[in-house]
Protein backbone atom coordinates (compact mmCIF):
# COMPACT_ATOMS: atom_id res chain seq x y z
CA MET A 1 -5.31 1.76 16.44
CA SER A 2 -5.26 -1.24 18.68
CA ALA A 3 -3.28 -3.55 16.40
CA HIS A 4 0.00 -4.67 17.88
CA ILE A 5 2.55 -2.04 17.00
CA GLY A 6 6.05 -3.41 17.13
CA GLY A 7 9.55 -2.42 16.24
CA SER A 8 10.96 -3.06 12.83
CA ALA A 9 13.33 -5.74 14.20
CA ALA A 10 10.43 -7.71 15.72
CA ALA A 11 8.47 -7.32 12.48
CA ALA A 12 11.42 -8.57 10.45
CA ARG A 13 11.75 -11.61 12.75
CA ALA A 14 8.04 -12.40 12.27
CA HIS A 15 8.51 -12.14 8.50
CA GLU A 16 11.50 -14.46 8.67
CA GLU A 17 9.48 -16.94 10.75
CA LEU A 18 6.57 -17.02 8.30
CA TYR A 19 8.88 -17.15 5.29
CA ALA A 20 10.82 -20.07 6.80
CA TYR A 21 7.55 -21.91 7.46
CA TRP A 22 6.35 -21.29 3.88
CA ALA A 23 9.73 -22.33 2.43
CA SER A 24 9.65 -25.56 4.47
CA LEU A 25 6.41 -26.49 2.67
CA ARG A 26 7.89 -26.13 -0.83
CA GLN A 27 8.85 -29.23 -2.74
CA GLY A 28 11.54 -28.14 -5.15
CA ALA A 29 10.00 -25.70 -7.59
CA ARG A 30 6.47 -26.60 -6.47
CA LEU A 31 4.75 -23.89 -4.47
CA PRO A 32 2.84 -24.87 -1.33
CA SER A 33 -0.96 -24.83 -1.46
CA ARG A 34 -3.49 -23.43 0.99
CA GLY A 35 -4.04 -27.01 2.16
CA ASP A 36 -0.40 -27.23 3.24
CA ILE A 37 -0.79 -24.33 5.68
CA HIS A 38 -1.64 -25.41 9.23
CA PRO A 39 -2.72 -22.44 11.38
CA ARG A 40 -1.46 -24.10 14.57
CA GLU A 41 2.07 -23.89 13.12
CA ILE A 42 1.86 -20.10 12.84
CA LYS A 43 -0.52 -19.41 15.73
CA ARG A 44 1.44 -16.43 17.05
CA LEU A 45 1.21 -14.67 13.70
CA LEU A 46 -2.48 -15.26 12.97
CA PRO A 47 -3.85 -11.88 14.13
CA THR A 48 -2.32 -10.11 11.13
CA VAL A 49 -2.26 -12.96 8.61
CA SER A 50 -4.41 -12.75 5.50
CA LEU A 51 -5.33 -15.06 2.65
CA ILE A 52 -5.94 -13.35 -0.67
CA ASP A 53 -7.80 -15.12 -3.47
CA VAL A 54 -6.47 -14.61 -6.99
CA HIS A 55 -9.24 -14.26 -9.59
CA ARG A 56 -8.39 -14.42 -13.28
CA GLU A 57 -9.92 -12.99 -16.43
CA PRO A 58 -9.55 -10.22 -15.46
CA LEU A 59 -6.92 -10.50 -12.77
CA ASP A 60 -8.37 -9.35 -9.43
CA PHE A 61 -7.86 -10.01 -5.75
CA ARG A 62 -10.27 -10.64 -2.86
CA LEU A 63 -9.40 -10.98 0.79
CA ARG A 64 -10.65 -14.45 1.69
CA LEU A 65 -9.52 -14.12 5.29
CA ALA A 66 -8.13 -11.27 7.38
CA GLY A 67 -6.83 -11.82 10.91
CA THR A 68 -8.56 -10.04 13.77
CA GLY A 69 -5.62 -7.66 14.25
CA LEU A 70 -6.20 -6.23 10.78
CA TYR A 71 -9.63 -4.93 11.78
CA SER A 72 -8.07 -2.09 13.75
CA VAL A 73 -5.57 -1.31 10.98
CA TYR A 74 -8.32 -0.91 8.39
CA GLY A 75 -11.05 0.34 10.72
CA ARG A 76 -13.50 -2.33 9.60
CA GLU A 77 -13.84 -5.96 8.59
CA ILE A 78 -12.06 -6.56 5.28
CA THR A 79 -12.70 -10.30 4.88
CA GLY A 80 -14.50 -10.95 1.60
CA ARG A 81 -13.68 -7.55 0.09
CA THR A 82 -11.79 -6.65 -3.06
CA LEU A 83 -8.90 -4.17 -3.15
CA ARG A 84 -11.13 -1.34 -4.34
CA ASP A 85 -13.55 -2.06 -1.48
CA VAL A 86 -10.77 -1.68 1.11
CA TYR A 87 -8.46 1.03 -0.23
CA ASN A 88 -8.61 4.42 -1.88
CA SER A 89 -7.68 4.33 -5.56
CA ALA A 90 -3.95 5.04 -5.08
CA ALA A 91 -3.54 2.38 -2.38
CA ALA A 92 -5.63 -0.13 -4.38
CA GLU A 93 -3.33 0.36 -7.40
CA TYR A 94 -0.26 -0.06 -5.20
CA TRP A 95 -1.58 -3.40 -3.88
CA ARG A 96 -2.78 -4.53 -7.32
CA GLY A 97 0.75 -4.00 -8.65
CA GLU A 98 2.44 -5.78 -5.75
CA LEU A 99 0.06 -8.76 -5.79
CA THR A 100 0.28 -9.05 -9.58
CA LYS A 101 4.08 -9.36 -9.25
CA VAL A 102 3.64 -12.22 -6.76
CA VAL A 103 1.28 -14.01 -9.17
CA GLU A 104 3.36 -13.47 -12.31
CA GLU A 105 6.80 -14.08 -10.77
CA ARG A 106 5.62 -16.88 -8.46
CA ARG A 107 7.94 -15.47 -5.78
CA PRO A 108 7.49 -13.95 -2.34
CA SER A 109 7.50 -10.19 -2.05
CA VAL A 110 8.17 -7.86 0.86
CA GLY A 111 7.81 -4.12 1.31
CA VAL A 112 6.65 -1.18 3.35
CA HIS A 113 3.41 0.72 2.78
CA ASN A 114 2.62 3.91 4.68
CA LEU A 115 -0.77 4.23 6.39
CA ALA A 116 -1.19 7.93 5.45
CA TRP A 117 -4.31 6.94 3.45
CA ARG A 118 -5.83 5.93 6.84
CA GLY A 119 -4.79 9.20 8.48
CA ALA A 120 -1.79 7.62 10.24
CA SER A 121 1.24 8.83 8.30
CA HIS A 122 3.47 8.05 11.30
CA LEU A 123 2.72 4.33 10.87
CA SER A 124 3.51 1.88 8.11
CA ILE A 125 2.82 -1.75 7.35
CA LEU A 126 5.87 -3.94 6.90
CA TRP A 127 4.29 -6.57 4.66
CA LEU A 128 5.12 -10.00 3.29
CA ARG A 129 3.22 -11.80 0.51
CA LEU A 130 3.82 -15.50 -0.23
CA PRO A 131 2.42 -17.31 -3.29
CA LEU A 132 0.29 -20.43 -2.88
CA ALA A 133 -0.79 -22.77 -5.69
CA ALA A 134 -3.23 -25.68 -5.48
CA ASN A 135 -1.48 -27.33 -8.43
CA GLY A 136 2.01 -26.34 -7.26
CA ARG A 137 2.52 -23.97 -10.19
CA ASP A 138 -0.28 -21.46 -10.86
CA VAL A 139 -0.69 -18.97 -8.02
CA ASP A 140 -4.33 -19.02 -6.92
CA MET A 141 -3.93 -17.61 -3.41
CA ILE A 142 -1.49 -15.39 -1.55
CA LEU A 143 -0.56 -15.73 2.12
CA GLY A 144 0.02 -12.32 3.65
CA TYR A 145 1.50 -11.03 6.89
CA ASP A 146 1.38 -7.40 8.00
CA ALA A 147 3.21 -5.82 10.92
CA VAL A 148 2.33 -2.26 11.88
CA VAL A 149 5.44 -0.27 12.73
CA GLY A 150 6.20 3.33 13.62
CA VAL A 151 8.48 4.77 10.97
CA GLN A 152 9.33 8.30 12.07
CA GLY A 153 10.98 8.87 8.72
CA GLN A 154 13.48 6.00 8.81
CA THR A 155 13.68 3.02 6.51
CA LEU A 156 12.88 -0.34 8.01
CA SER A 157 15.29 -3.25 7.71
CA GLY A 158 16.92 -1.64 4.68
CA ILE A 159 13.69 -1.56 2.67
CA ARG A 160 12.72 1.81 1.17
CA ALA A 161 9.18 2.92 1.97
CA ALA A 162 6.83 2.67 -1.02
């Protein structure tokens, strides 16, 4: 894998940076929208940033945009694909559950997901998902950031591996 593999501390700092940027765009209870995000403000993070469209009736998710660093994590281009197009069934259900929580709770979510399904059980993704809403309320897109980290059996930043 040629994606940048960093330590859990560096990954946590990147998550904090993106979260702080997202939080600075909020206006009270109003969530930021995709239009509020300016790529130049998060340029360093762009290789593993994603934008995930939220489709309703039934609830489904499609990767609108996946940074170039994610190509090597997934072994192919994932832009424009649904969860079931990208993942095996267990991983797709994991992501469906996590993304559904972001939509329903309208709150950021963070976690760790092992890459064993890609044949790399020694690596995990330390992920962050941030809700976006064109109308400030109803989540219609999710801003994601993934950092690939070596786990070697330990927990990362106090978060239990999923």
